N, C-alpha and C. Protein backbone atom coordinates (compact mmCIF):
# COMPACT_ATOMS: atom_id res chain seq x y z
N MET A 1 -55.12 -61.88 -40.53
CA MET A 1 -53.81 -61.30 -40.82
C MET A 1 -52.73 -62.24 -40.47
N ASP A 2 -51.93 -62.57 -41.40
CA ASP A 2 -50.81 -63.41 -41.03
C ASP A 2 -49.64 -62.73 -40.46
N ILE A 3 -48.69 -63.34 -40.00
CA ILE A 3 -47.55 -62.79 -39.31
C ILE A 3 -46.58 -62.03 -40.13
N VAL A 4 -46.32 -62.52 -41.47
CA VAL A 4 -45.61 -61.85 -42.46
C VAL A 4 -46.13 -60.31 -42.84
N SER A 5 -47.33 -60.26 -43.01
CA SER A 5 -47.98 -59.09 -43.41
C SER A 5 -48.06 -57.96 -42.31
N PHE A 6 -48.10 -58.53 -41.01
CA PHE A 6 -48.00 -57.87 -39.85
C PHE A 6 -46.61 -57.21 -39.66
N ILE A 7 -45.51 -57.93 -39.72
CA ILE A 7 -44.24 -57.46 -39.82
C ILE A 7 -43.88 -56.46 -40.75
N ASN A 8 -44.44 -56.82 -42.20
CA ASN A 8 -44.33 -55.90 -43.07
C ASN A 8 -44.84 -54.50 -42.69
N LEU A 9 -46.12 -54.64 -42.31
CA LEU A 9 -46.89 -53.31 -41.84
C LEU A 9 -46.07 -52.63 -40.82
N LEU A 10 -45.63 -53.35 -39.73
CA LEU A 10 -44.96 -52.71 -38.63
C LEU A 10 -43.63 -52.12 -39.16
N VAL A 11 -42.75 -52.69 -40.03
CA VAL A 11 -41.52 -52.20 -40.61
C VAL A 11 -41.77 -50.91 -41.32
N ILE A 12 -42.80 -50.91 -42.09
CA ILE A 12 -43.33 -49.62 -43.06
C ILE A 12 -43.67 -48.55 -42.02
N GLY A 13 -44.46 -48.82 -41.00
CA GLY A 13 -44.82 -47.88 -40.09
C GLY A 13 -43.70 -47.30 -39.50
N LEU A 14 -42.77 -48.16 -38.90
CA LEU A 14 -41.63 -47.56 -38.12
C LEU A 14 -40.82 -46.81 -39.12
N PHE A 15 -40.46 -47.01 -40.39
CA PHE A 15 -39.88 -46.41 -41.41
C PHE A 15 -40.46 -45.08 -41.58
N LEU A 16 -41.80 -44.88 -41.71
CA LEU A 16 -42.51 -43.63 -41.92
C LEU A 16 -42.43 -42.78 -40.64
N VAL A 17 -42.45 -43.23 -39.51
CA VAL A 17 -42.45 -42.49 -38.28
C VAL A 17 -40.88 -41.99 -38.09
N LEU A 18 -39.78 -42.66 -38.55
CA LEU A 18 -38.64 -42.20 -38.58
C LEU A 18 -38.36 -41.23 -39.57
N LEU A 19 -38.93 -41.34 -40.68
CA LEU A 19 -38.97 -40.38 -41.77
C LEU A 19 -39.50 -39.09 -41.36
N GLY A 20 -40.66 -39.12 -40.77
CA GLY A 20 -41.25 -38.02 -40.30
C GLY A 20 -40.60 -37.19 -39.39
N ILE A 21 -40.02 -37.91 -38.41
CA ILE A 21 -39.11 -37.31 -37.24
C ILE A 21 -37.89 -36.51 -38.00
N VAL A 22 -37.30 -37.13 -38.87
CA VAL A 22 -36.10 -36.51 -39.49
C VAL A 22 -36.70 -35.23 -40.33
N GLY A 23 -37.70 -35.54 -41.09
CA GLY A 23 -38.41 -34.36 -41.73
C GLY A 23 -38.69 -33.11 -40.79
N ILE A 24 -39.07 -33.41 -39.74
CA ILE A 24 -39.55 -32.38 -38.77
C ILE A 24 -38.35 -31.71 -38.22
N LYS A 25 -37.29 -32.48 -37.77
CA LYS A 25 -36.01 -31.75 -37.49
C LYS A 25 -35.45 -30.98 -38.50
N ILE A 26 -35.43 -31.41 -39.73
CA ILE A 26 -34.98 -30.49 -40.91
C ILE A 26 -35.83 -29.18 -41.03
N LEU A 27 -37.08 -29.28 -40.80
CA LEU A 27 -37.93 -28.11 -40.86
C LEU A 27 -37.64 -27.15 -39.82
N PHE A 28 -37.37 -27.66 -38.57
CA PHE A 28 -37.21 -26.74 -37.40
C PHE A 28 -35.77 -26.10 -37.74
N LYS A 29 -34.79 -26.73 -38.16
CA LYS A 29 -33.52 -26.21 -38.54
C LYS A 29 -33.64 -25.01 -39.50
N ILE A 30 -34.48 -25.28 -40.42
CA ILE A 30 -34.73 -24.31 -41.55
C ILE A 30 -35.54 -23.19 -40.90
N GLY A 31 -36.42 -23.47 -40.12
CA GLY A 31 -37.43 -22.48 -39.61
C GLY A 31 -36.60 -21.62 -38.55
N LYS A 32 -35.72 -22.21 -37.73
CA LYS A 32 -34.83 -21.32 -36.97
C LYS A 32 -33.87 -20.41 -37.65
N THR A 33 -33.43 -20.86 -38.74
CA THR A 33 -32.66 -20.00 -39.67
C THR A 33 -33.43 -18.75 -40.20
N VAL A 34 -34.55 -19.14 -40.71
CA VAL A 34 -35.41 -18.08 -41.32
C VAL A 34 -35.85 -17.19 -40.29
N SER A 35 -36.30 -17.67 -39.14
CA SER A 35 -36.83 -16.75 -38.11
C SER A 35 -35.63 -15.72 -37.68
N GLY A 36 -34.50 -16.29 -37.46
CA GLY A 36 -33.27 -15.43 -37.24
C GLY A 36 -32.99 -14.41 -38.23
N ILE A 37 -33.07 -14.78 -39.44
CA ILE A 37 -32.99 -13.85 -40.45
C ILE A 37 -33.93 -12.62 -40.48
N VAL A 38 -35.27 -13.16 -40.32
CA VAL A 38 -36.34 -12.23 -40.29
C VAL A 38 -36.27 -11.28 -39.07
N PHE A 39 -35.89 -11.80 -38.00
CA PHE A 39 -35.63 -11.11 -36.80
C PHE A 39 -34.65 -10.06 -36.97
N ASN A 40 -33.65 -10.38 -37.60
CA ASN A 40 -32.36 -9.43 -37.85
C ASN A 40 -32.85 -8.34 -38.79
N MET A 41 -33.69 -8.68 -39.86
CA MET A 41 -34.20 -7.73 -40.67
C MET A 41 -35.13 -6.68 -39.92
N LEU A 42 -36.04 -7.29 -39.21
CA LEU A 42 -36.96 -6.21 -38.50
C LEU A 42 -36.34 -5.36 -37.52
N LEU A 43 -35.21 -5.96 -36.75
CA LEU A 43 -34.38 -5.20 -35.82
C LEU A 43 -33.67 -4.12 -36.54
N GLY A 44 -33.07 -4.38 -37.82
CA GLY A 44 -32.37 -3.42 -38.54
C GLY A 44 -33.31 -2.35 -39.03
N PHE A 45 -34.42 -2.62 -39.52
CA PHE A 45 -35.49 -1.56 -39.94
C PHE A 45 -35.89 -0.68 -38.72
N ALA A 46 -36.13 -1.26 -37.54
CA ALA A 46 -36.43 -0.43 -36.42
C ALA A 46 -35.36 0.54 -36.05
N VAL A 47 -34.10 -0.04 -36.09
CA VAL A 47 -33.03 0.81 -35.64
C VAL A 47 -32.78 1.92 -36.53
N LEU A 48 -32.88 1.55 -37.86
CA LEU A 48 -32.73 2.61 -38.89
C LEU A 48 -33.82 3.69 -38.85
N PHE A 49 -35.08 3.28 -38.45
CA PHE A 49 -36.18 4.32 -38.04
C PHE A 49 -35.74 5.16 -36.96
N LEU A 50 -35.25 4.51 -35.96
CA LEU A 50 -34.96 5.27 -34.65
C LEU A 50 -33.96 6.08 -34.80
N ALA A 51 -32.77 5.70 -35.59
CA ALA A 51 -31.64 6.60 -35.98
C ALA A 51 -32.02 7.77 -36.77
N ASN A 52 -33.06 7.66 -37.58
CA ASN A 52 -33.49 8.81 -38.27
C ASN A 52 -34.33 9.82 -37.53
N LEU A 53 -34.78 9.44 -36.26
CA LEU A 53 -35.44 10.31 -35.44
C LEU A 53 -34.47 11.29 -34.74
N LEU A 54 -33.15 10.93 -34.59
CA LEU A 54 -32.22 11.71 -34.07
C LEU A 54 -31.93 12.95 -34.96
N PRO A 55 -31.70 14.24 -34.47
CA PRO A 55 -31.80 15.40 -35.36
C PRO A 55 -30.38 15.51 -36.01
N PHE A 56 -29.24 14.87 -35.60
CA PHE A 56 -28.17 15.01 -36.33
C PHE A 56 -27.85 13.90 -37.28
N ILE A 57 -28.78 12.83 -37.44
CA ILE A 57 -28.58 11.68 -38.33
C ILE A 57 -29.75 11.93 -39.32
N ASN A 58 -29.39 11.87 -40.55
CA ASN A 58 -30.41 11.97 -41.63
C ASN A 58 -30.01 11.09 -42.73
N ILE A 59 -30.49 9.83 -42.69
CA ILE A 59 -30.18 8.79 -43.47
C ILE A 59 -31.45 8.62 -44.51
N PRO A 60 -31.22 8.79 -45.82
CA PRO A 60 -32.45 8.77 -46.62
C PRO A 60 -32.96 7.34 -46.65
N ILE A 61 -34.32 7.17 -46.74
CA ILE A 61 -35.04 5.93 -46.83
C ILE A 61 -35.22 5.49 -48.32
N ASN A 62 -34.32 4.72 -48.74
CA ASN A 62 -34.46 4.33 -50.22
C ASN A 62 -34.17 2.90 -50.22
N ILE A 63 -34.28 2.27 -51.44
CA ILE A 63 -33.93 0.84 -51.62
C ILE A 63 -32.56 0.34 -51.30
N LEU A 64 -31.48 1.13 -51.39
CA LEU A 64 -30.21 0.81 -50.91
C LEU A 64 -29.99 0.73 -49.33
N THR A 65 -30.62 1.84 -48.88
CA THR A 65 -30.54 1.70 -47.39
C THR A 65 -31.40 0.73 -46.70
N ILE A 66 -32.50 0.64 -47.15
CA ILE A 66 -33.38 -0.53 -46.71
C ILE A 66 -32.67 -1.87 -46.80
N ALA A 67 -32.08 -2.19 -48.03
CA ALA A 67 -31.36 -3.40 -48.35
C ALA A 67 -30.19 -3.59 -47.18
N VAL A 68 -29.45 -2.50 -47.03
CA VAL A 68 -28.37 -2.66 -46.10
C VAL A 68 -28.84 -2.85 -44.71
N ALA A 69 -29.95 -2.14 -44.36
CA ALA A 69 -30.30 -2.28 -42.95
C ALA A 69 -31.08 -3.64 -42.87
N GLY A 70 -31.69 -4.11 -43.89
CA GLY A 70 -32.42 -5.41 -43.84
C GLY A 70 -31.42 -6.56 -43.56
N PHE A 71 -30.52 -6.46 -44.51
CA PHE A 71 -29.36 -7.68 -44.53
C PHE A 71 -28.49 -7.70 -43.56
N GLY A 72 -28.09 -6.26 -43.05
CA GLY A 72 -27.08 -6.11 -42.08
C GLY A 72 -27.49 -6.07 -40.68
N GLY A 73 -28.80 -5.72 -40.52
CA GLY A 73 -29.29 -5.66 -39.11
C GLY A 73 -28.72 -4.34 -38.38
N ILE A 74 -28.30 -4.59 -37.39
CA ILE A 74 -27.80 -3.37 -36.51
C ILE A 74 -26.46 -3.03 -36.98
N MET A 75 -25.77 -4.07 -37.49
CA MET A 75 -24.38 -3.71 -38.07
C MET A 75 -24.59 -2.95 -39.33
N GLY A 76 -25.53 -3.32 -40.16
CA GLY A 76 -25.89 -2.54 -41.39
C GLY A 76 -26.19 -1.01 -41.03
N VAL A 77 -27.00 -0.86 -40.08
CA VAL A 77 -27.46 0.48 -39.54
C VAL A 77 -26.10 1.25 -39.13
N GLY A 78 -25.25 0.54 -38.38
CA GLY A 78 -24.13 1.21 -37.90
C GLY A 78 -23.16 1.61 -39.20
N LEU A 79 -23.17 0.78 -40.13
CA LEU A 79 -22.40 1.09 -41.32
C LEU A 79 -23.02 2.34 -42.14
N LEU A 80 -24.41 2.36 -42.10
CA LEU A 80 -25.03 3.57 -42.74
C LEU A 80 -24.78 4.85 -41.85
N ILE A 81 -24.88 4.79 -40.57
CA ILE A 81 -24.61 5.90 -39.84
C ILE A 81 -23.11 6.26 -39.91
N PHE A 82 -22.11 5.36 -40.02
CA PHE A 82 -20.76 5.71 -40.29
C PHE A 82 -20.62 6.34 -41.60
N ALA A 83 -21.24 6.00 -42.72
CA ALA A 83 -21.32 6.49 -43.89
C ALA A 83 -21.84 7.97 -43.98
N GLN A 84 -22.79 8.13 -43.13
CA GLN A 84 -23.43 9.35 -43.00
C GLN A 84 -22.48 10.38 -42.45
N VAL A 85 -21.80 9.86 -41.37
CA VAL A 85 -20.89 10.87 -40.71
C VAL A 85 -19.79 11.16 -41.53
N LEU A 86 -19.32 10.24 -42.47
CA LEU A 86 -18.14 10.48 -43.42
C LEU A 86 -18.67 11.44 -44.56
N GLY A 87 -19.95 11.67 -44.66
CA GLY A 87 -20.48 12.54 -45.73
C GLY A 87 -20.96 11.96 -47.01
N PHE A 88 -21.25 10.50 -46.89
CA PHE A 88 -21.65 9.96 -48.09
C PHE A 88 -23.15 10.23 -48.22
N PHE A 89 -23.91 10.58 -47.22
CA PHE A 89 -25.31 10.80 -47.43
C PHE A 89 -25.59 12.29 -47.20
């Protein structure tokens, strides 16, 4: 193996390692965002279920309330409880 092919191999290897590191960082940022959204959705569903266990709150479980609780999380469930207190449900 001559010195030129060794240098070419070394440069290509370093480029691939740097490209891999950048790719992994991007995937971790995307994964952190997705895991945060999933955690927010699960927390919203749990709070909606627990709120319905209270005798004075009766929020129907349908596609609209699930969407509000899923996308809004705890704030979405708070909005649903507020709407129920105002008489929308």
